[in-house]
N, C-alpha and C. Protein backbone atom coordinates (compact mmCIF):
# COMPACT_ATOMS: atom_id res chain seq x y z
N MET A 1 -2.09 -105.54 -24.55
CA MET A 1 -1.47 -106.29 -25.66
C MET A 1 -2.02 -107.86 -25.61
N LEU A 2 -2.12 -108.45 -24.43
CA LEU A 2 -2.47 -109.73 -24.07
C LEU A 2 -4.02 -109.92 -24.72
N LEU A 3 -4.89 -108.89 -24.29
CA LEU A 3 -6.22 -108.94 -24.73
C LEU A 3 -6.39 -108.68 -26.38
N ASN A 4 -5.46 -107.91 -26.88
CA ASN A 4 -5.47 -107.75 -28.31
C ASN A 4 -5.23 -109.09 -28.99
N HIS A 5 -4.25 -109.79 -28.48
CA HIS A 5 -4.00 -111.17 -29.13
C HIS A 5 -5.19 -112.04 -28.83
N VAL A 6 -5.70 -112.09 -27.79
CA VAL A 6 -7.02 -113.00 -27.57
C VAL A 6 -8.08 -112.57 -28.60
N ILE A 7 -8.35 -111.31 -28.68
CA ILE A 7 -9.40 -110.87 -29.58
C ILE A 7 -9.06 -111.18 -31.08
N GLY A 8 -7.78 -110.91 -31.28
CA GLY A 8 -7.35 -111.06 -32.78
C GLY A 8 -7.35 -112.53 -33.07
N MET A 9 -7.09 -113.55 -32.15
CA MET A 9 -7.23 -115.02 -32.42
C MET A 9 -8.63 -115.26 -32.87
N TYR A 10 -9.59 -114.74 -32.23
CA TYR A 10 -10.98 -114.90 -32.55
C TYR A 10 -11.55 -114.17 -33.83
N THR A 11 -11.01 -112.99 -34.17
CA THR A 11 -11.55 -112.10 -35.18
C THR A 11 -10.73 -112.34 -36.58
N HIS A 12 -9.42 -112.48 -36.49
CA HIS A 12 -8.58 -112.61 -37.70
C HIS A 12 -7.31 -113.37 -37.28
N PRO A 13 -7.44 -114.84 -37.18
CA PRO A 13 -6.41 -115.57 -36.55
C PRO A 13 -5.14 -115.67 -37.39
N LYS A 14 -5.23 -115.68 -38.73
CA LYS A 14 -4.00 -115.76 -39.51
C LYS A 14 -3.22 -114.46 -39.46
N GLU A 15 -3.94 -113.42 -39.51
CA GLU A 15 -3.25 -112.09 -39.38
C GLU A 15 -2.59 -111.87 -37.89
N GLU A 16 -3.24 -112.36 -36.98
CA GLU A 16 -2.81 -112.44 -35.66
C GLU A 16 -1.49 -113.27 -35.52
N CYS A 17 -1.59 -114.45 -36.04
CA CYS A 17 -0.24 -115.30 -35.99
C CYS A 17 0.75 -114.52 -36.71
N ARG A 18 0.58 -113.88 -37.77
CA ARG A 18 1.69 -113.05 -38.44
C ARG A 18 2.24 -111.95 -37.54
N ASN A 19 1.33 -111.27 -36.84
CA ASN A 19 1.78 -110.24 -35.91
C ASN A 19 2.51 -110.83 -34.77
N ILE A 20 2.09 -112.03 -34.20
CA ILE A 20 2.79 -112.66 -33.11
C ILE A 20 4.30 -113.07 -33.55
N ASP A 21 4.24 -113.55 -34.84
CA ASP A 21 5.53 -113.99 -35.37
C ASP A 21 6.47 -112.74 -35.63
N ARG A 22 5.93 -111.67 -36.09
CA ARG A 22 6.73 -110.47 -36.33
C ARG A 22 7.24 -109.90 -35.03
N ARG A 23 6.48 -109.98 -34.04
CA ARG A 23 6.99 -109.23 -32.72
C ARG A 23 8.01 -109.98 -32.00
N GLN A 24 8.18 -111.34 -32.36
CA GLN A 24 9.19 -112.16 -31.61
C GLN A 24 9.08 -111.89 -30.08
N GLU A 25 7.94 -112.29 -29.57
CA GLU A 25 7.74 -112.13 -28.14
C GLU A 25 8.70 -112.93 -27.28
N THR A 26 8.78 -112.58 -26.06
CA THR A 26 9.81 -113.26 -25.11
C THR A 26 9.08 -114.43 -24.46
N PHE A 27 9.96 -115.28 -23.94
CA PHE A 27 9.37 -116.50 -23.07
C PHE A 27 8.56 -116.03 -22.03
N PHE A 28 8.81 -114.95 -21.38
CA PHE A 28 8.08 -114.57 -20.23
C PHE A 28 6.84 -114.12 -20.61
N TYR A 29 6.68 -113.41 -21.76
CA TYR A 29 5.30 -113.00 -22.30
C TYR A 29 4.47 -114.11 -22.60
N ALA A 30 4.97 -115.02 -23.30
CA ALA A 30 4.26 -116.21 -23.68
C ALA A 30 3.68 -117.03 -22.48
N PHE A 31 4.64 -117.24 -21.47
CA PHE A 31 4.33 -117.87 -20.28
C PHE A 31 3.28 -117.10 -19.40
N SER A 32 3.32 -115.78 -19.36
CA SER A 32 2.42 -115.03 -18.55
C SER A 32 1.11 -115.12 -19.30
N HIS A 33 1.08 -115.28 -20.64
CA HIS A 33 -0.32 -115.42 -21.35
C HIS A 33 -0.99 -116.71 -20.80
N ILE A 34 -0.19 -117.81 -20.64
CA ILE A 34 -0.79 -119.08 -20.20
C ILE A 34 -1.18 -118.90 -18.69
N ALA A 35 -0.27 -118.30 -17.87
CA ALA A 35 -0.59 -118.11 -16.47
C ALA A 35 -1.88 -117.51 -16.13
N ILE A 36 -2.01 -116.40 -17.01
CA ILE A 36 -3.32 -115.61 -16.79
C ILE A 36 -4.60 -116.24 -17.35
N ILE A 37 -4.46 -116.79 -18.67
CA ILE A 37 -5.68 -117.48 -19.16
C ILE A 37 -6.10 -118.68 -18.40
N ALA A 38 -5.06 -119.36 -17.78
CA ALA A 38 -5.42 -120.61 -17.03
C ALA A 38 -6.23 -120.30 -15.77
N LEU A 39 -6.32 -119.05 -15.37
CA LEU A 39 -7.11 -118.67 -14.19
C LEU A 39 -8.61 -118.76 -14.47
N ILE A 40 -8.96 -118.56 -15.72
CA ILE A 40 -10.39 -118.59 -16.10
C ILE A 40 -11.21 -119.86 -15.76
N PRO A 41 -10.68 -121.05 -16.26
CA PRO A 41 -11.36 -122.17 -15.93
C PRO A 41 -11.26 -122.65 -14.40
N THR A 42 -10.02 -122.13 -13.92
CA THR A 42 -9.77 -122.55 -12.44
C THR A 42 -10.70 -121.76 -11.58
N VAL A 43 -10.73 -120.43 -11.70
CA VAL A 43 -11.63 -119.70 -10.80
C VAL A 43 -13.11 -119.96 -11.09
N VAL A 44 -13.56 -120.22 -12.23
CA VAL A 44 -14.95 -120.60 -12.55
C VAL A 44 -15.29 -121.91 -11.95
N ALA A 45 -14.34 -122.94 -12.04
CA ALA A 45 -14.68 -124.19 -11.49
C ALA A 45 -14.76 -124.22 -10.02
N TYR A 46 -13.90 -123.35 -9.33
CA TYR A 46 -13.95 -123.18 -7.92
C TYR A 46 -15.34 -122.68 -7.46
N TYR A 47 -15.74 -121.59 -8.14
CA TYR A 47 -17.04 -120.82 -7.92
C TYR A 47 -18.14 -121.76 -8.16
N SER A 48 -18.09 -122.44 -9.25
CA SER A 48 -19.30 -123.38 -9.58
C SER A 48 -19.44 -124.54 -8.69
N THR A 49 -18.36 -125.18 -8.20
CA THR A 49 -18.44 -126.33 -7.35
C THR A 49 -18.85 -126.09 -5.79
N VAL A 50 -18.47 -124.69 -5.63
CA VAL A 50 -18.69 -124.28 -4.12
C VAL A 50 -20.11 -123.56 -3.95
N TYR A 51 -20.40 -122.76 -4.94
CA TYR A 51 -21.63 -121.85 -4.75
C TYR A 51 -22.84 -122.18 -5.46
N THR A 52 -22.60 -122.53 -6.84
CA THR A 52 -23.81 -122.83 -7.60
C THR A 52 -24.09 -124.35 -7.63
N GLY A 53 -23.10 -125.21 -7.56
CA GLY A 53 -23.23 -126.56 -7.68
C GLY A 53 -23.43 -126.95 -9.11
N TRP A 54 -23.19 -128.34 -9.32
CA TRP A 54 -23.40 -128.91 -10.75
C TRP A 54 -24.62 -129.73 -10.75
N SER A 55 -25.34 -129.68 -11.87
CA SER A 55 -26.60 -130.33 -11.96
C SER A 55 -26.28 -131.62 -12.66
N MET A 56 -26.42 -132.74 -12.02
CA MET A 56 -26.15 -134.14 -12.71
C MET A 56 -27.54 -134.86 -12.67
N GLY A 57 -28.43 -134.65 -13.64
CA GLY A 57 -29.74 -135.38 -13.63
C GLY A 57 -30.70 -134.80 -12.57
N GLY A 58 -30.56 -133.47 -12.28
CA GLY A 58 -31.60 -132.92 -11.40
C GLY A 58 -31.04 -132.51 -9.97
N GLU A 59 -30.10 -133.26 -9.46
CA GLU A 59 -29.77 -133.09 -8.17
C GLU A 59 -28.29 -132.20 -8.18
N LEU A 60 -28.37 -131.26 -7.36
CA LEU A 60 -27.18 -130.31 -7.32
C LEU A 60 -25.99 -130.86 -6.45
N ILE A 61 -24.84 -130.95 -7.06
CA ILE A 61 -23.68 -131.57 -6.26
C ILE A 61 -22.70 -130.25 -6.14
N LYS A 62 -22.41 -130.10 -4.92
CA LYS A 62 -21.45 -129.09 -4.39
C LYS A 62 -20.30 -129.67 -3.54
N LEU A 63 -19.10 -129.07 -3.66
CA LEU A 63 -18.00 -129.46 -2.84
C LEU A 63 -17.79 -128.41 -1.78
N ASN A 64 -17.12 -128.90 -0.61
CA ASN A 64 -16.84 -127.87 0.40
C ASN A 64 -15.65 -126.98 -0.04
N GLU A 65 -15.48 -125.84 0.64
CA GLU A 65 -14.46 -124.90 0.17
C GLU A 65 -13.04 -125.47 0.10
N SER A 66 -12.68 -126.20 1.07
CA SER A 66 -11.19 -126.72 1.01
C SER A 66 -11.06 -127.78 -0.01
N SER A 67 -11.94 -128.63 -0.19
CA SER A 67 -11.84 -129.61 -1.31
C SER A 67 -11.84 -128.99 -2.62
N ALA A 68 -12.67 -127.90 -2.90
CA ALA A 68 -12.77 -127.17 -4.17
C ALA A 68 -11.48 -126.36 -4.44
N LEU A 69 -10.94 -125.85 -3.32
CA LEU A 69 -9.70 -125.13 -3.44
C LEU A 69 -8.51 -126.06 -3.81
N LEU A 70 -8.50 -127.18 -3.20
CA LEU A 70 -7.42 -128.23 -3.57
C LEU A 70 -7.56 -128.65 -5.06
N MET A 71 -8.87 -128.73 -5.41
CA MET A 71 -9.11 -129.23 -6.90
C MET A 71 -8.70 -128.11 -7.81
N ALA A 72 -9.10 -126.83 -7.56
CA ALA A 72 -8.84 -125.66 -8.48
C ALA A 72 -7.27 -125.41 -8.38
N THR A 73 -6.58 -125.60 -7.34
CA THR A 73 -5.11 -125.50 -7.33
C THR A 73 -4.41 -126.53 -8.24
N GLY A 74 -4.89 -127.68 -8.03
CA GLY A 74 -4.33 -128.85 -8.93
C GLY A 74 -4.69 -128.49 -10.40
N MET A 75 -5.89 -128.20 -10.63
CA MET A 75 -6.32 -127.88 -11.99
C MET A 75 -5.47 -126.71 -12.63
N TYR A 76 -5.25 -125.71 -11.90
CA TYR A 76 -4.52 -124.55 -12.49
C TYR A 76 -2.94 -125.04 -12.92
N PHE A 77 -2.37 -125.75 -11.91
CA PHE A 77 -0.92 -126.17 -12.23
C PHE A 77 -1.02 -127.26 -13.18
N GLY A 78 -2.09 -128.11 -13.29
CA GLY A 78 -2.16 -129.08 -14.40
C GLY A 78 -2.33 -128.43 -15.73
N LEU A 79 -3.20 -127.31 -15.85
CA LEU A 79 -3.33 -126.71 -17.05
C LEU A 79 -2.05 -125.96 -17.59
N VAL A 80 -1.36 -125.38 -16.67
CA VAL A 80 -0.13 -124.66 -17.12
C VAL A 80 0.90 -125.71 -17.53
N ALA A 81 1.05 -126.74 -16.70
CA ALA A 81 1.98 -127.87 -17.03
C ALA A 81 1.65 -128.49 -18.31
N GLY A 82 0.39 -128.60 -18.54
CA GLY A 82 -0.19 -129.23 -19.88
C GLY A 82 0.25 -128.46 -21.05
N VAL A 83 0.11 -127.13 -21.03
CA VAL A 83 0.50 -126.43 -22.15
C VAL A 83 2.00 -126.26 -22.30
N VAL A 84 2.68 -126.20 -21.18
CA VAL A 84 4.18 -126.17 -21.38
C VAL A 84 4.70 -127.60 -21.96
N ALA A 85 4.00 -128.67 -21.50
CA ALA A 85 4.33 -129.96 -22.07
C ALA A 85 4.00 -130.05 -23.46
N LEU A 86 2.81 -129.46 -23.97
CA LEU A 86 2.56 -129.40 -25.39
C LEU A 86 3.66 -128.60 -26.16
N ALA A 87 4.08 -127.52 -25.56
CA ALA A 87 5.20 -126.67 -26.23
C ALA A 87 6.46 -127.41 -26.54
N VAL A 88 6.74 -128.35 -25.49
CA VAL A 88 7.93 -129.27 -25.56
C VAL A 88 7.73 -130.21 -26.71
N VAL A 89 6.62 -130.86 -26.74
CA VAL A 89 6.16 -131.79 -27.83
C VAL A 89 6.21 -131.03 -29.16
N ILE A 90 5.76 -129.90 -29.26
CA ILE A 90 5.78 -129.04 -30.46
C ILE A 90 7.17 -128.76 -30.90
N HIS A 91 7.92 -128.40 -30.03
CA HIS A 91 9.42 -127.98 -30.23
C HIS A 91 10.16 -129.33 -30.83
N GLU A 92 9.99 -130.39 -30.10
CA GLU A 92 10.67 -131.58 -30.45
C GLU A 92 10.20 -132.23 -31.92
N LEU A 93 8.93 -132.15 -32.15
CA LEU A 93 8.34 -132.49 -33.41
C LEU A 93 8.90 -131.44 -34.49
N ALA A 94 9.13 -130.22 -34.14
CA ALA A 94 9.66 -129.24 -35.23
C ALA A 94 11.04 -129.65 -35.74
N LYS A 95 11.88 -130.28 -34.82
CA LYS A 95 13.18 -130.74 -35.22
C LYS A 95 12.94 -131.83 -36.36
N ALA A 96 12.07 -132.70 -36.09
CA ALA A 96 11.88 -133.84 -37.04
C ALA A 96 11.46 -133.34 -38.44
N PHE A 97 10.76 -132.08 -38.31
CA PHE A 97 10.15 -131.52 -39.62
C PHE A 97 11.09 -130.43 -40.22
N GLU A 98 12.38 -130.42 -39.51
CA GLU A 98 13.37 -129.47 -40.00
C GLU A 98 12.91 -128.01 -40.01
N SER A 99 12.20 -127.71 -38.83
CA SER A 99 11.84 -126.39 -38.62
C SER A 99 12.69 -125.71 -37.60
N LEU A 100 13.50 -124.55 -38.03
CA LEU A 100 14.38 -123.95 -37.04
C LEU A 100 13.78 -122.94 -36.31
N THR A 101 12.95 -123.30 -35.47
CA THR A 101 12.21 -122.39 -34.48
C THR A 101 12.75 -122.60 -32.98
N THR A 102 12.51 -121.52 -32.28
CA THR A 102 13.01 -121.60 -30.84
C THR A 102 11.88 -122.24 -30.00
N PHE A 103 12.18 -122.58 -28.74
CA PHE A 103 11.26 -123.11 -27.75
C PHE A 103 10.15 -122.01 -27.42
N THR A 104 10.60 -120.67 -27.43
CA THR A 104 9.66 -119.51 -27.29
C THR A 104 8.46 -119.53 -28.41
N GLN A 105 8.93 -119.80 -29.52
CA GLN A 105 7.82 -119.88 -30.69
C GLN A 105 6.87 -121.06 -30.36
N SER A 106 7.48 -122.19 -30.00
CA SER A 106 6.65 -123.31 -29.67
C SER A 106 5.73 -123.10 -28.62
N LEU A 107 6.22 -122.35 -27.65
CA LEU A 107 5.32 -122.07 -26.34
C LEU A 107 4.24 -121.07 -26.86
N GLU A 108 4.53 -120.22 -27.69
CA GLU A 108 3.61 -119.29 -28.28
C GLU A 108 2.44 -120.01 -29.02
N LEU A 109 2.93 -120.87 -29.84
CA LEU A 109 1.88 -121.72 -30.52
C LEU A 109 1.03 -122.52 -29.64
N ALA A 110 1.64 -123.11 -28.58
CA ALA A 110 0.79 -123.92 -27.62
C ALA A 110 -0.08 -122.96 -26.80
N ALA A 111 0.47 -121.93 -26.42
CA ALA A 111 -0.38 -120.90 -25.60
C ALA A 111 -1.69 -120.49 -26.36
N TYR A 112 -1.36 -119.82 -27.53
CA TYR A 112 -2.49 -119.36 -28.32
C TYR A 112 -3.46 -120.35 -28.88
N THR A 113 -3.12 -121.47 -29.18
CA THR A 113 -3.99 -122.48 -29.50
C THR A 113 -4.90 -123.21 -28.44
N ALA A 114 -4.18 -123.10 -27.36
CA ALA A 114 -5.05 -123.55 -25.98
C ALA A 114 -5.91 -122.60 -25.55
N THR A 115 -5.83 -121.37 -25.94
CA THR A 115 -6.69 -120.34 -25.35
C THR A 115 -8.12 -120.49 -25.53
N PRO A 116 -8.65 -121.03 -26.76
CA PRO A 116 -9.99 -121.26 -26.83
C PRO A 116 -10.59 -122.29 -25.80
N LEU A 117 -9.78 -123.19 -25.58
CA LEU A 117 -10.02 -124.28 -24.44
C LEU A 117 -10.17 -123.73 -23.21
N PHE A 118 -9.32 -122.81 -22.75
CA PHE A 118 -9.36 -122.18 -21.44
C PHE A 118 -10.57 -121.21 -21.45
N MET A 119 -10.94 -120.63 -22.47
CA MET A 119 -12.08 -119.74 -22.43
C MET A 119 -13.42 -120.57 -22.31
N VAL A 120 -13.39 -121.84 -22.66
CA VAL A 120 -14.54 -122.73 -22.37
C VAL A 120 -14.95 -122.61 -20.84
N GLY A 121 -14.04 -122.33 -19.97
CA GLY A 121 -14.21 -122.13 -18.62
C GLY A 121 -15.39 -121.33 -18.27
N PHE A 122 -15.69 -120.27 -19.02
CA PHE A 122 -16.73 -119.27 -18.70
C PHE A 122 -18.06 -120.12 -18.73
N ALA A 123 -18.15 -121.28 -19.53
CA ALA A 123 -19.36 -122.10 -19.68
C ALA A 123 -19.83 -122.58 -18.32
N GLY A 124 -18.68 -122.75 -17.41
CA GLY A 124 -18.94 -123.29 -16.08
C GLY A 124 -19.85 -122.33 -15.31
N LEU A 125 -19.99 -121.13 -15.63
CA LEU A 125 -20.88 -120.30 -14.97
C LEU A 125 -22.24 -120.65 -14.91
N TYR A 126 -22.64 -121.50 -15.98
CA TYR A 126 -23.99 -122.18 -16.02
C TYR A 126 -23.61 -123.62 -15.92
N PRO A 127 -23.54 -124.09 -14.82
CA PRO A 127 -22.93 -125.48 -14.63
C PRO A 127 -23.82 -126.52 -14.92
N GLU A 128 -24.38 -126.61 -16.11
CA GLU A 128 -25.09 -127.88 -16.62
C GLU A 128 -24.10 -128.69 -17.48
N LEU A 129 -24.18 -129.86 -17.44
CA LEU A 129 -23.15 -130.67 -18.16
C LEU A 129 -23.24 -130.54 -19.63
N TRP A 130 -24.46 -130.54 -20.17
CA TRP A 130 -24.60 -130.44 -21.53
C TRP A 130 -24.11 -129.13 -22.14
N VAL A 131 -24.23 -128.04 -21.37
CA VAL A 131 -23.79 -126.76 -21.74
C VAL A 131 -22.24 -126.59 -21.83
N VAL A 132 -21.59 -127.25 -20.84
CA VAL A 132 -20.20 -127.36 -20.77
C VAL A 132 -19.61 -128.20 -21.93
N MET A 133 -20.32 -129.38 -22.18
CA MET A 133 -19.79 -130.22 -23.16
C MET A 133 -19.86 -129.71 -24.59
N ALA A 134 -21.00 -128.90 -24.84
CA ALA A 134 -21.19 -128.19 -26.01
C ALA A 134 -20.16 -127.11 -26.28
N ALA A 135 -19.79 -126.38 -25.18
CA ALA A 135 -18.90 -125.37 -25.29
C ALA A 135 -17.46 -126.07 -25.52
N LEU A 136 -17.20 -127.11 -24.86
CA LEU A 136 -15.95 -127.74 -24.96
C LEU A 136 -15.72 -128.23 -26.46
N LEU A 137 -16.78 -128.80 -27.00
CA LEU A 137 -16.69 -129.25 -28.44
C LEU A 137 -16.28 -128.01 -29.36
N ILE A 138 -16.99 -126.92 -29.13
CA ILE A 138 -16.64 -125.71 -29.88
C ILE A 138 -15.08 -125.20 -29.63
N GLY A 139 -14.84 -125.21 -28.45
CA GLY A 139 -13.33 -124.85 -28.00
C GLY A 139 -12.43 -125.72 -28.65
N VAL A 140 -12.64 -127.09 -28.52
CA VAL A 140 -11.56 -128.00 -29.28
C VAL A 140 -11.52 -127.80 -30.70
N SER A 141 -12.70 -127.60 -31.28
CA SER A 141 -12.70 -127.35 -32.79
C SER A 141 -11.95 -126.07 -33.12
N TYR A 142 -12.18 -125.05 -32.43
CA TYR A 142 -11.47 -123.82 -32.76
C TYR A 142 -10.01 -123.85 -32.43
N SER A 143 -9.61 -124.63 -31.35
CA SER A 143 -8.20 -124.81 -30.98
C SER A 143 -7.46 -125.58 -32.13
N VAL A 144 -8.18 -126.54 -32.61
CA VAL A 144 -7.52 -127.32 -33.76
C VAL A 144 -7.38 -126.53 -35.04
N TYR A 145 -8.45 -125.65 -35.24
CA TYR A 145 -8.41 -124.76 -36.41
C TYR A 145 -7.29 -123.69 -36.32
N LEU A 146 -7.10 -123.11 -35.09
CA LEU A 146 -5.96 -122.25 -34.82
C LEU A 146 -4.48 -123.05 -34.90
N LEU A 147 -4.52 -124.22 -34.54
CA LEU A 147 -3.26 -125.02 -34.74
C LEU A 147 -2.92 -125.04 -36.11
N PHE A 148 -3.91 -125.49 -37.06
CA PHE A 148 -3.59 -125.79 -38.46
C PHE A 148 -3.32 -124.47 -39.08
N SER A 149 -4.00 -123.42 -38.68
CA SER A 149 -3.78 -122.07 -39.30
C SER A 149 -2.42 -121.52 -38.78
N GLY A 150 -2.00 -121.67 -37.51
CA GLY A 150 -0.76 -121.03 -37.08
C GLY A 150 0.59 -121.81 -37.34
N VAL A 151 0.50 -123.08 -37.56
CA VAL A 151 1.61 -123.88 -37.79
C VAL A 151 2.54 -123.21 -38.76
N PRO A 152 1.89 -123.17 -40.06
CA PRO A 152 2.78 -122.69 -41.27
C PRO A 152 3.34 -121.28 -40.92
N LEU A 153 2.63 -120.49 -40.12
CA LEU A 153 3.28 -119.05 -39.93
C LEU A 153 4.10 -119.05 -38.78
N LEU A 154 3.84 -119.76 -37.65
CA LEU A 154 4.81 -119.58 -36.48
C LEU A 154 5.89 -120.41 -36.57
N MET A 155 5.70 -121.50 -37.17
CA MET A 155 6.87 -122.62 -37.28
C MET A 155 7.62 -122.55 -38.67
N GLN A 156 7.26 -121.55 -39.38
CA GLN A 156 7.89 -121.39 -40.78
C GLN A 156 7.96 -122.75 -41.53
N LEU A 157 6.89 -123.35 -41.76
CA LEU A 157 6.77 -124.57 -42.55
C LEU A 157 5.98 -124.32 -43.65
N PRO A 158 6.14 -125.04 -44.78
CA PRO A 158 5.27 -124.90 -46.01
C PRO A 158 3.97 -125.63 -45.65
N GLN A 159 3.04 -125.17 -46.36
CA GLN A 159 1.54 -125.61 -46.11
C GLN A 159 1.44 -127.19 -45.98
N GLU A 160 2.06 -128.02 -46.97
CA GLU A 160 1.86 -129.37 -47.02
C GLU A 160 2.59 -129.95 -45.80
N LYS A 161 3.61 -129.48 -45.49
CA LYS A 161 4.41 -130.13 -44.18
C LYS A 161 3.59 -129.59 -42.95
N GLY A 162 2.99 -128.42 -43.05
CA GLY A 162 2.29 -127.89 -41.90
C GLY A 162 1.09 -128.71 -41.49
N PHE A 163 0.42 -129.31 -42.53
CA PHE A 163 -0.69 -130.16 -42.22
C PHE A 163 -0.29 -131.37 -41.52
N ILE A 164 0.77 -132.14 -41.97
CA ILE A 164 1.22 -133.22 -41.42
C ILE A 164 1.64 -133.05 -39.99
N TYR A 165 2.45 -131.92 -39.79
CA TYR A 165 3.01 -131.51 -38.53
C TYR A 165 1.78 -131.17 -37.59
N SER A 166 0.88 -130.45 -38.03
CA SER A 166 -0.25 -130.21 -37.19
C SER A 166 -0.96 -131.36 -36.80
N SER A 167 -1.19 -132.38 -37.79
CA SER A 167 -1.89 -133.54 -37.33
C SER A 167 -1.13 -134.39 -36.27
N SER A 168 0.23 -134.28 -36.37
CA SER A 168 1.04 -135.04 -35.30
C SER A 168 0.86 -134.29 -34.02
N VAL A 169 0.87 -133.06 -33.96
CA VAL A 169 0.62 -132.28 -32.65
C VAL A 169 -0.68 -132.53 -32.15
N VAL A 170 -1.71 -132.64 -32.97
CA VAL A 170 -3.12 -132.87 -32.35
C VAL A 170 -3.05 -134.27 -31.71
N THR A 171 -2.45 -135.31 -32.43
CA THR A 171 -2.44 -136.64 -31.73
C THR A 171 -1.67 -136.61 -30.60
N CYS A 172 -0.42 -135.97 -30.43
CA CYS A 172 0.40 -136.03 -29.28
C CYS A 172 -0.39 -135.17 -28.12
N GLY A 173 -1.03 -134.21 -28.57
CA GLY A 173 -1.85 -133.32 -27.58
C GLY A 173 -2.99 -134.25 -26.98
N LEU A 174 -3.71 -135.06 -27.79
CA LEU A 174 -4.76 -135.96 -27.25
C LEU A 174 -4.17 -136.85 -26.22
N VAL A 175 -3.05 -137.53 -26.64
CA VAL A 175 -2.32 -138.43 -25.67
C VAL A 175 -1.94 -137.72 -24.45
N LEU A 176 -1.38 -136.61 -24.54
CA LEU A 176 -0.94 -135.73 -23.38
C LEU A 176 -2.09 -135.45 -22.48
N MET A 177 -3.31 -135.14 -23.07
CA MET A 177 -4.56 -134.81 -22.29
C MET A 177 -5.01 -136.08 -21.55
N VAL A 178 -4.97 -137.16 -22.19
CA VAL A 178 -5.45 -138.45 -21.45
C VAL A 178 -4.43 -138.72 -20.30
N ILE A 179 -3.18 -138.59 -20.54
CA ILE A 179 -2.19 -138.79 -19.48
C ILE A 179 -2.49 -137.78 -18.28
N LEU A 180 -2.67 -136.48 -18.59
CA LEU A 180 -2.87 -135.59 -17.51
C LEU A 180 -4.25 -135.75 -16.76
N MET A 181 -5.32 -136.17 -17.40
CA MET A 181 -6.59 -136.38 -16.86
C MET A 181 -6.45 -137.62 -15.91
N THR A 182 -5.84 -138.69 -16.40
CA THR A 182 -5.54 -139.91 -15.63
C THR A 182 -4.82 -139.59 -14.45
N GLY A 183 -3.60 -138.80 -14.59
CA GLY A 183 -2.91 -138.42 -13.45
C GLY A 183 -3.76 -137.63 -12.42
N ALA A 184 -4.55 -136.81 -12.83
CA ALA A 184 -5.41 -135.99 -11.89
C ALA A 184 -6.35 -136.85 -11.14
N VAL A 185 -6.99 -137.81 -11.80
CA VAL A 185 -7.87 -138.74 -11.10
C VAL A 185 -7.17 -139.55 -10.05
N LEU A 186 -5.92 -140.00 -10.46
CA LEU A 186 -5.17 -140.73 -9.52
C LEU A 186 -4.72 -140.07 -8.38
N LEU A 187 -4.21 -138.86 -8.70
CA LEU A 187 -3.81 -137.96 -7.60
C LEU A 187 -4.96 -137.65 -6.60
N TRP A 188 -6.12 -137.32 -7.06
CA TRP A 188 -7.22 -137.08 -6.34
C TRP A 188 -7.75 -138.25 -5.58
N GLY A 189 -7.58 -139.38 -6.12
CA GLY A 189 -7.90 -140.64 -5.41
C GLY A 189 -6.95 -140.93 -4.21
N ILE A 190 -5.68 -140.62 -4.44
CA ILE A 190 -4.73 -140.94 -3.49
C ILE A 190 -4.83 -139.97 -2.19
N THR A 191 -5.16 -138.74 -2.55
CA THR A 191 -5.32 -137.75 -1.46
C THR A 191 -6.74 -137.98 -0.93
N THR A 192 -7.31 -136.94 -0.27
CA THR A 192 -8.59 -137.03 0.28
C THR A 192 -9.74 -137.34 -0.60
N GLY A 193 -9.66 -136.95 -1.85
CA GLY A 193 -10.72 -137.15 -2.69
C GLY A 193 -11.76 -135.91 -2.57
N PRO A 194 -12.81 -135.94 -3.31
CA PRO A 194 -13.76 -134.94 -3.20
C PRO A 194 -14.56 -135.10 -1.83
N ILE A 195 -14.77 -133.86 -1.19
CA ILE A 195 -15.58 -133.70 0.05
C ILE A 195 -16.78 -132.98 -0.31
N PHE A 196 -17.88 -133.57 -0.33
CA PHE A 196 -19.21 -132.86 -0.75
C PHE A 196 -19.70 -132.03 0.36
N ALA A 197 -20.28 -130.87 0.00
CA ALA A 197 -20.97 -129.99 0.96
C ALA A 197 -22.35 -130.68 1.29
N SER A 198 -22.60 -130.55 2.53
CA SER A 198 -23.90 -131.13 3.11
C SER A 198 -25.02 -130.18 2.79
């Protein structure tokens, strides 16, 4: 079922949003989607930083296993917390737009629109910065497209309200992303920081 949703979001997103809305999935199902998909960038980041290394202008940079594991663990919980926080923002904004939706529907919207961003993690298997940045640009673009497509369907809003609502969610999501990234850098700086492999 989870794989069907992921494939459906790439092949026929509007129809898949209608299917998700019709099924009225549970909070547990939406949360388990986030928990599973967030493993992709986390596991790939760990593998890339320990075994293949990152190329930054020719020189390979690697972390030792304990430092990479600490980074990957923090990354996993940060990704899950970020999507849940986005769901809270989506739900609170829905009240302002008079959308009578549940928190579970908001979590579904956050989970399925974040999926392309998490799938970008596969680009880390070829850890060149330009490859990951290009994949990230495509992932962000498709996530925004899914958000604009899914809002009228999952949040039961008319098209004109859906556009303004989606724009508000994108803005709040960008602010949330900056907060999470800043928090991650500060937390990493307070702790041991990166320990590079010799």
